[in-house]
Amino acid sequence: MVRRHRTPASPLPQRDGVDAVRVRLPADPEGRHGTVREYLSVRYGPAAGGERIEEMLREGRFVTADGRPVTPATPYTPGLYVFFHRDLPAEEPLPFAIRVVHRDERIVVADKPPFLATTPRGGHITRTAVALLRQALDLPELQPAHRLDRLTAGLVLFVVRPADRGAYQGLFAERRVRKEYEAVAAHDPALTLPRTVRSRIVKDRGVLAAYEVPGGVPNSETRVELAAHGGGFGGYRLTPATGRTHQLRVHMNALGLPLLHDPLYPVVRDAAPEDYDRPLQLLARALDFTDPLTGEPHSFTSGQRLARWPVAQ
């Protein structure tokens, strides 16, 4: 029987709604690291700079699970947990606000604006939905039950208590959540809709855009309907049965209808400053499910509207 070790809680409080980084020192059979300092310099030095690691050690920024600072002489011990807060990048405030649609003792449903990441990643750390909500609602243990692309607006479900998170994540894994999106793209009167699109979508690590594998076993499914059209544009209702990365954007692009203002499909554009006047025209509009803990039916609708939604002419 394999004995599982218990992960200790962080001795460091959150900073700006962001948890401290937790590192468990791996086995070192060759004895390459005599001290924790040597390991940290190898792992983080290239990114943070060797001098910065030394400064953080002097400032007591690295601590063990019991809160004691790591010193330059702290011996390397496999399995030891080290905690620290990384240096956070300067982040530009967004001209949009996140709105809470529903809150109770178990869940929070938020209406996320475009350009706001759900969780910390890359250069988006404190200006993320989870960090902002933790601070605004005084819920330090809040976690998302699923994710929404940074450029996509709309509804996101968060879980208040860590012990409940698995139950709500299971709703998405078991496809017991009905999600409905709205999107704007070109209108093609020759395209027969509604239709169900199925394909195999692959997202390679480190590559921005996902892609379809011709002839591959399908792992994604989306129902596509035309809800409105006018001025050459169509307003589409998208109902995904699965949740692959960029699934809706990939499927619409495959139909010859790339979403309006999409920087990745059909062609990945060069990185440029955010254009807040041209948000991706994709909105997670509705979220329906039965609460796995109470059996209560939930139905939520976004208060946002896509700016380019067509009006019949």
Protein backbone atom coordinates (compact mmCIF):
# COMPACT_ATOMS: atom_id res chain seq x y z
CA MET A 1 0.00 0.00 0.00
CA VAL A 2 1.41 3.37 -1.06
CA ARG A 3 1.28 5.97 1.68
CA ARG A 4 0.35 9.41 0.41
CA HIS A 5 2.01 12.41 1.98
CA ARG A 6 -0.16 15.26 3.14
CA THR A 7 0.44 18.59 1.46
CA PRO A 8 0.91 21.27 4.12
CA ALA A 9 -1.01 24.52 4.09
CA SER A 10 0.89 27.63 3.09
CA PRO A 11 2.34 29.57 6.04
CA LEU A 12 2.16 32.71 3.89
CA PRO A 13 -1.09 34.64 3.48
CA GLN A 14 -2.40 35.48 0.04
CA ARG A 15 -1.12 38.65 -1.57
CA ASP A 16 -3.54 40.59 -3.77
CA GLY A 17 -5.76 37.51 -3.89
CA VAL A 18 -2.92 35.30 -5.14
CA ASP A 19 -1.61 32.22 -3.31
CA ALA A 20 2.06 31.77 -2.54
CA VAL A 21 3.99 29.43 -4.82
CA ARG A 22 4.51 25.98 -3.29
CA VAL A 23 7.54 23.89 -4.23
CA ARG A 24 8.27 20.34 -3.03
CA LEU A 25 11.95 19.52 -3.35
CA PRO A 26 12.35 16.41 -5.54
CA ALA A 27 14.57 13.40 -4.93
CA ASP A 28 18.22 14.12 -5.67
CA PRO A 29 19.96 10.71 -5.86
CA GLU A 30 23.09 12.19 -7.41
CA GLY A 31 23.44 14.82 -4.69
CA ARG A 32 23.58 17.73 -7.12
CA HIS A 33 22.11 20.19 -4.62
CA GLY A 34 23.77 20.61 -1.26
CA THR A 35 21.50 23.45 -0.18
CA VAL A 36 18.00 24.72 -0.93
CA ARG A 37 19.64 27.88 -2.25
CA GLU A 38 21.46 25.90 -4.96
CA TYR A 39 18.23 24.25 -6.08
CA LEU A 40 16.30 27.55 -6.20
CA SER A 41 19.08 29.17 -8.22
CA VAL A 42 18.97 26.36 -10.79
CA ARG A 43 15.16 26.24 -11.00
CA TYR A 44 14.32 29.94 -10.88
CA GLY A 45 17.60 31.72 -11.48
CA PRO A 46 17.41 31.79 -15.30
CA ALA A 47 13.99 33.49 -15.17
CA ALA A 48 14.35 35.65 -12.07
CA GLY A 49 18.07 36.27 -12.26
CA GLY A 50 20.61 34.78 -9.85
CA GLU A 51 21.01 38.06 -7.99
CA ARG A 52 17.26 38.29 -7.41
CA ILE A 53 17.21 34.83 -5.81
CA GLU A 54 20.00 35.95 -3.49
CA GLU A 55 18.07 39.10 -2.58
CA MET A 56 14.91 37.11 -1.83
CA LEU A 57 16.89 34.79 0.42
CA ARG A 58 18.33 37.74 2.32
CA GLU A 59 14.84 39.23 2.67
CA GLY A 60 13.43 35.97 4.07
CA ARG A 61 11.04 35.58 1.12
CA PHE A 62 11.46 31.79 0.97
CA VAL A 63 10.00 29.89 3.94
CA THR A 64 9.39 26.27 4.89
CA ALA A 65 6.00 24.83 5.87
CA ASP A 66 6.51 25.88 9.49
CA GLY A 67 7.16 29.49 8.43
CA ARG A 68 10.90 29.47 9.07
CA PRO A 69 12.96 31.41 6.50
CA VAL A 70 15.21 29.49 4.15
CA THR A 71 18.79 30.69 4.54
CA PRO A 72 21.73 30.27 2.14
CA ALA A 73 22.90 27.43 4.38
CA THR A 74 19.59 25.52 4.68
CA PRO A 75 20.45 21.94 3.61
CA TYR A 76 18.68 20.35 0.68
CA THR A 77 16.14 17.82 1.94
CA PRO A 78 14.06 15.86 -0.59
CA GLY A 79 10.36 16.26 0.15
CA LEU A 80 10.81 19.60 1.91
CA TYR A 81 8.16 22.18 1.04
CA VAL A 82 9.23 25.74 0.26
CA PHE A 83 6.78 28.63 -0.13
CA PHE A 84 7.26 32.11 -1.57
CA HIS A 85 5.50 34.93 -3.36
CA ARG A 86 6.88 35.58 -6.81
CA ASP A 87 7.60 39.10 -8.03
CA LEU A 88 4.40 40.19 -9.74
CA PRO A 89 4.41 42.00 -13.09
CA ALA A 90 2.78 45.38 -13.44
CA GLU A 91 -0.71 44.83 -14.83
CA GLU A 92 -2.87 47.36 -16.59
CA PRO A 93 -6.34 47.77 -15.05
CA LEU A 94 -9.15 46.74 -17.37
CA PRO A 95 -11.83 49.22 -18.43
CA PHE A 96 -14.44 46.54 -17.63
CA ALA A 97 -15.77 45.26 -14.31
CA ILE A 98 -16.56 41.72 -13.21
CA ARG A 99 -20.09 41.32 -11.87
CA VAL A 100 -21.43 38.77 -9.40
CA VAL A 101 -24.64 37.15 -10.68
CA HIS A 102 -25.19 34.78 -7.76
CA ARG A 103 -23.61 34.05 -4.39
CA ASP A 104 -24.46 31.60 -1.63
CA GLU A 105 -22.46 29.59 0.93
CA ARG A 106 -21.32 27.09 -1.72
CA ILE A 107 -20.91 28.85 -5.06
CA VAL A 108 -20.35 32.18 -6.78
CA VAL A 109 -21.40 32.78 -10.37
CA ALA A 110 -19.61 35.70 -11.98
CA ASP A 111 -20.15 37.53 -15.27
CA LYS A 112 -16.59 37.91 -16.56
CA PRO A 113 -15.71 40.69 -19.01
CA PRO A 114 -13.50 40.04 -22.05
CA PHE A 115 -9.70 40.36 -21.65
CA LEU A 116 -9.86 39.12 -18.03
CA ALA A 117 -8.17 35.76 -17.33
CA THR A 118 -10.03 33.36 -15.05
CA THR A 119 -6.93 32.23 -13.12
CA PRO A 120 -3.34 33.49 -12.79
CA ARG A 121 -1.18 32.62 -15.77
CA GLY A 122 1.74 34.24 -17.58
CA GLY A 123 1.59 38.00 -17.26
CA HIS A 124 -1.94 37.96 -15.83
CA ILE A 125 -1.75 37.35 -12.09
CA THR A 126 -3.60 39.83 -9.89
CA ARG A 127 -5.86 41.10 -12.67
CA THR A 128 -7.68 37.78 -12.88
CA ALA A 129 -11.24 36.85 -12.04
CA VAL A 130 -10.36 34.59 -9.12
CA ALA A 131 -7.93 37.07 -7.52
CA LEU A 132 -10.32 40.01 -7.86
CA LEU A 133 -13.28 38.05 -6.48
CA ARG A 134 -11.29 36.67 -3.53
CA GLN A 135 -10.52 40.21 -2.45
CA ALA A 136 -13.89 41.78 -3.25
CA LEU A 137 -15.92 39.05 -1.54
CA ASP A 138 -13.41 38.20 1.22
CA LEU A 139 -13.35 34.57 0.09
CA PRO A 140 -9.66 33.57 0.11
CA GLU A 141 -10.36 29.91 -0.74
CA LEU A 142 -12.51 30.66 -3.79
CA GLN A 143 -11.62 28.52 -6.83
CA PRO A 144 -13.14 28.15 -10.31
CA ALA A 145 -14.99 24.94 -11.15
CA HIS A 146 -14.07 25.41 -14.83
CA ARG A 147 -12.31 27.94 -17.01
CA LEU A 148 -13.27 30.47 -19.62
CA ASP A 149 -10.78 31.78 -22.17
CA ARG A 150 -9.33 35.18 -21.28
CA LEU A 151 -10.80 36.79 -24.41
CA THR A 152 -14.25 35.22 -23.95
CA ALA A 153 -16.84 37.09 -21.88
CA GLY A 154 -19.58 35.58 -19.77
CA LEU A 155 -20.48 33.24 -16.95
CA VAL A 156 -17.98 31.39 -14.76
CA LEU A 157 -18.84 29.14 -11.80
CA PHE A 158 -16.65 29.42 -8.69
CA VAL A 159 -16.66 27.22 -5.58
CA VAL A 160 -16.41 28.76 -2.11
CA ARG A 161 -15.16 25.77 -0.09
CA PRO A 162 -12.26 23.57 -1.27
CA ALA A 163 -14.04 20.43 -0.03
CA ASP A 164 -16.92 21.09 -2.45
CA ARG A 165 -14.83 21.79 -5.53
CA GLY A 166 -14.67 18.19 -6.76
CA ALA A 167 -18.45 17.88 -6.80
CA TYR A 168 -18.88 20.95 -9.00
CA GLN A 169 -15.93 20.10 -11.25
CA GLY A 170 -17.57 16.71 -11.72
CA LEU A 171 -20.61 18.41 -13.26
CA PHE A 172 -18.45 19.65 -16.12
CA ALA A 173 -16.40 16.46 -16.46
CA GLU A 174 -19.60 14.39 -16.64
CA ARG A 175 -21.31 16.84 -19.03
CA ARG A 176 -24.11 17.64 -16.60
CA VAL A 177 -23.92 21.38 -17.25
CA ARG A 178 -25.76 23.01 -20.13
CA LYS A 179 -23.69 25.86 -21.53
CA GLU A 180 -24.96 28.21 -24.21
CA TYR A 181 -22.83 30.79 -26.02
CA GLU A 182 -23.51 33.61 -28.43
CA ALA A 183 -21.06 34.55 -31.17
CA VAL A 184 -20.78 36.92 -34.12
CA ALA A 185 -19.20 35.95 -37.43
CA ALA A 186 -19.86 36.48 -41.11
CA HIS A 187 -23.22 35.33 -42.43
CA ASP A 188 -23.06 32.65 -45.12
CA PRO A 189 -26.56 32.02 -46.52
CA ALA A 190 -25.26 28.96 -48.38
CA LEU A 191 -24.34 27.20 -45.12
CA THR A 192 -27.05 24.87 -43.86
CA LEU A 193 -27.81 25.47 -40.18
CA PRO A 194 -28.47 24.28 -37.57
CA ARG A 195 -25.87 21.53 -37.56
CA THR A 196 -23.75 19.60 -35.08
CA VAL A 197 -19.99 19.79 -35.56
CA ARG A 198 -17.80 16.95 -34.28
CA SER A 199 -14.04 16.69 -34.66
CA ARG A 200 -10.79 15.81 -32.92
CA ILE A 201 -9.18 18.96 -31.49
CA VAL A 202 -5.57 19.01 -30.31
CA LYS A 203 -3.82 21.81 -28.41
CA ASP A 204 -0.02 21.47 -28.27
CA ARG A 205 1.78 22.85 -25.25
CA GLY A 206 3.41 26.19 -25.96
CA VAL A 207 1.42 26.74 -29.17
CA LEU A 208 -1.27 29.42 -29.12
CA ALA A 209 -3.80 27.91 -31.52
CA ALA A 210 -5.49 24.52 -31.34
CA TYR A 211 -6.17 22.52 -34.49
CA GLU A 212 -8.34 19.72 -35.83
CA VAL A 213 -6.95 16.31 -36.78
CA PRO A 214 -8.59 15.17 -40.03
CA GLY A 215 -10.09 11.70 -39.62
CA GLY A 216 -9.26 11.59 -35.91
CA VAL A 217 -11.65 10.11 -33.38
CA PRO A 218 -13.90 13.04 -32.34
CA ASN A 219 -13.34 14.47 -28.86
CA SER A 220 -15.44 17.62 -29.31
CA GLU A 221 -19.02 18.42 -30.23
CA THR A 222 -20.85 21.72 -30.80
CA ARG A 223 -24.37 22.53 -31.91
CA VAL A 224 -24.39 25.62 -34.17
CA GLU A 225 -27.56 27.62 -34.88
CA LEU A 226 -28.13 30.93 -36.66
CA ALA A 227 -30.12 33.17 -34.32
CA ALA A 228 -30.02 36.45 -36.25
CA HIS A 229 -28.40 38.05 -39.27
CA GLY A 230 -28.06 41.45 -40.86
CA GLY A 231 -25.46 43.66 -42.51
CA GLY A 232 -23.43 40.65 -43.62
CA PHE A 233 -23.01 39.30 -40.09
CA GLY A 234 -24.65 36.41 -38.30
CA GLY A 235 -25.47 36.05 -34.64
CA TYR A 236 -24.92 32.41 -33.71
CA ARG A 237 -26.10 30.31 -30.79
CA LEU A 238 -23.47 27.72 -29.87
CA THR A 239 -24.19 24.81 -27.53
CA PRO A 240 -21.10 22.72 -26.74
CA ALA A 241 -21.47 19.16 -25.46
CA THR A 242 -17.74 19.04 -24.64
CA GLY A 243 -15.19 21.57 -23.44
CA ARG A 244 -11.98 21.33 -25.44
CA THR A 245 -9.60 24.31 -25.50
CA HIS A 246 -10.84 26.92 -28.02
CA GLN A 247 -13.49 24.44 -29.18
CA LEU A 248 -16.08 26.98 -30.32
CA ARG A 249 -13.52 29.13 -32.08
CA VAL A 250 -12.02 26.11 -33.85
CA HIS A 251 -15.40 24.73 -34.93
CA MET A 252 -16.66 28.06 -36.24
CA ASN A 253 -13.41 28.59 -38.14
CA ALA A 254 -13.76 25.11 -39.65
CA LEU A 255 -17.20 26.12 -40.96
CA GLY A 256 -15.59 29.10 -42.68
CA LEU A 257 -17.00 31.45 -40.04
CA PRO A 258 -14.10 32.65 -37.86
CA LEU A 259 -15.39 34.74 -34.99
CA LEU A 260 -15.22 38.49 -35.32
CA HIS A 261 -12.04 39.98 -33.78
CA ASP A 262 -10.47 36.56 -33.12
CA PRO A 263 -6.66 37.01 -32.96
CA LEU A 264 -5.91 33.28 -33.42
CA TYR A 265 -8.29 31.89 -36.03
CA PRO A 266 -7.92 31.56 -38.94
CA VAL A 267 -4.45 33.15 -38.61
CA VAL A 268 -2.42 33.85 -35.47
CA ARG A 269 -1.78 37.57 -35.41
CA ASP A 270 1.37 39.18 -34.11
CA ALA A 271 1.22 40.21 -30.45
CA ALA A 272 -0.10 43.75 -30.10
CA PRO A 273 -1.45 45.99 -27.35
CA GLU A 274 -4.97 45.06 -26.25
CA ASP A 275 -7.65 46.78 -28.30
CA TYR A 276 -10.52 47.10 -25.84
CA ASP A 277 -12.76 48.48 -28.58
CA ARG A 278 -12.52 45.19 -30.50
CA PRO A 279 -13.24 42.35 -28.04
CA LEU A 280 -13.65 38.82 -29.33
CA GLN A 281 -17.32 38.42 -30.19
CA LEU A 282 -17.97 35.36 -28.03
CA LEU A 283 -20.13 35.31 -24.91
CA ALA A 284 -20.85 32.50 -22.44
CA ARG A 285 -24.48 33.55 -22.10
CA ALA A 286 -26.22 30.77 -20.13
CA LEU A 287 -25.27 28.19 -17.50
CA ASP A 288 -27.80 25.59 -16.31
CA PHE A 289 -27.20 22.70 -13.89
CA THR A 290 -28.56 20.86 -10.89
CA ASP A 291 -26.60 21.55 -7.73
CA PRO A 292 -24.73 18.31 -6.88
CA LEU A 293 -24.95 18.99 -3.12
CA THR A 294 -28.50 20.28 -2.71
CA GLY A 295 -30.34 19.01 -5.79
CA GLU A 296 -31.50 22.57 -6.50
CA PRO A 297 -31.84 23.51 -10.19
CA HIS A 298 -29.80 26.55 -11.22
CA SER A 299 -30.21 28.68 -14.34
CA PHE A 300 -28.04 31.76 -14.88
CA THR A 301 -27.89 34.28 -17.72
CA SER A 302 -25.19 36.82 -18.52
CA GLY A 303 -26.12 40.49 -18.41
CA GLN A 304 -23.65 41.27 -21.19
CA ARG A 305 -24.41 41.64 -24.90
CA LEU A 306 -22.12 41.34 -27.86
CA ALA A 307 -21.50 44.76 -29.36
CA ARG A 308 -21.66 43.50 -32.94
CA TRP A 309 -24.75 41.31 -32.59
CA PRO A 310 -26.58 41.84 -35.90
CA VAL A 311 -29.89 43.59 -36.27
CA ALA A 312 -32.16 42.50 -39.10
CA GLN A 313 -32.22 45.05 -41.91
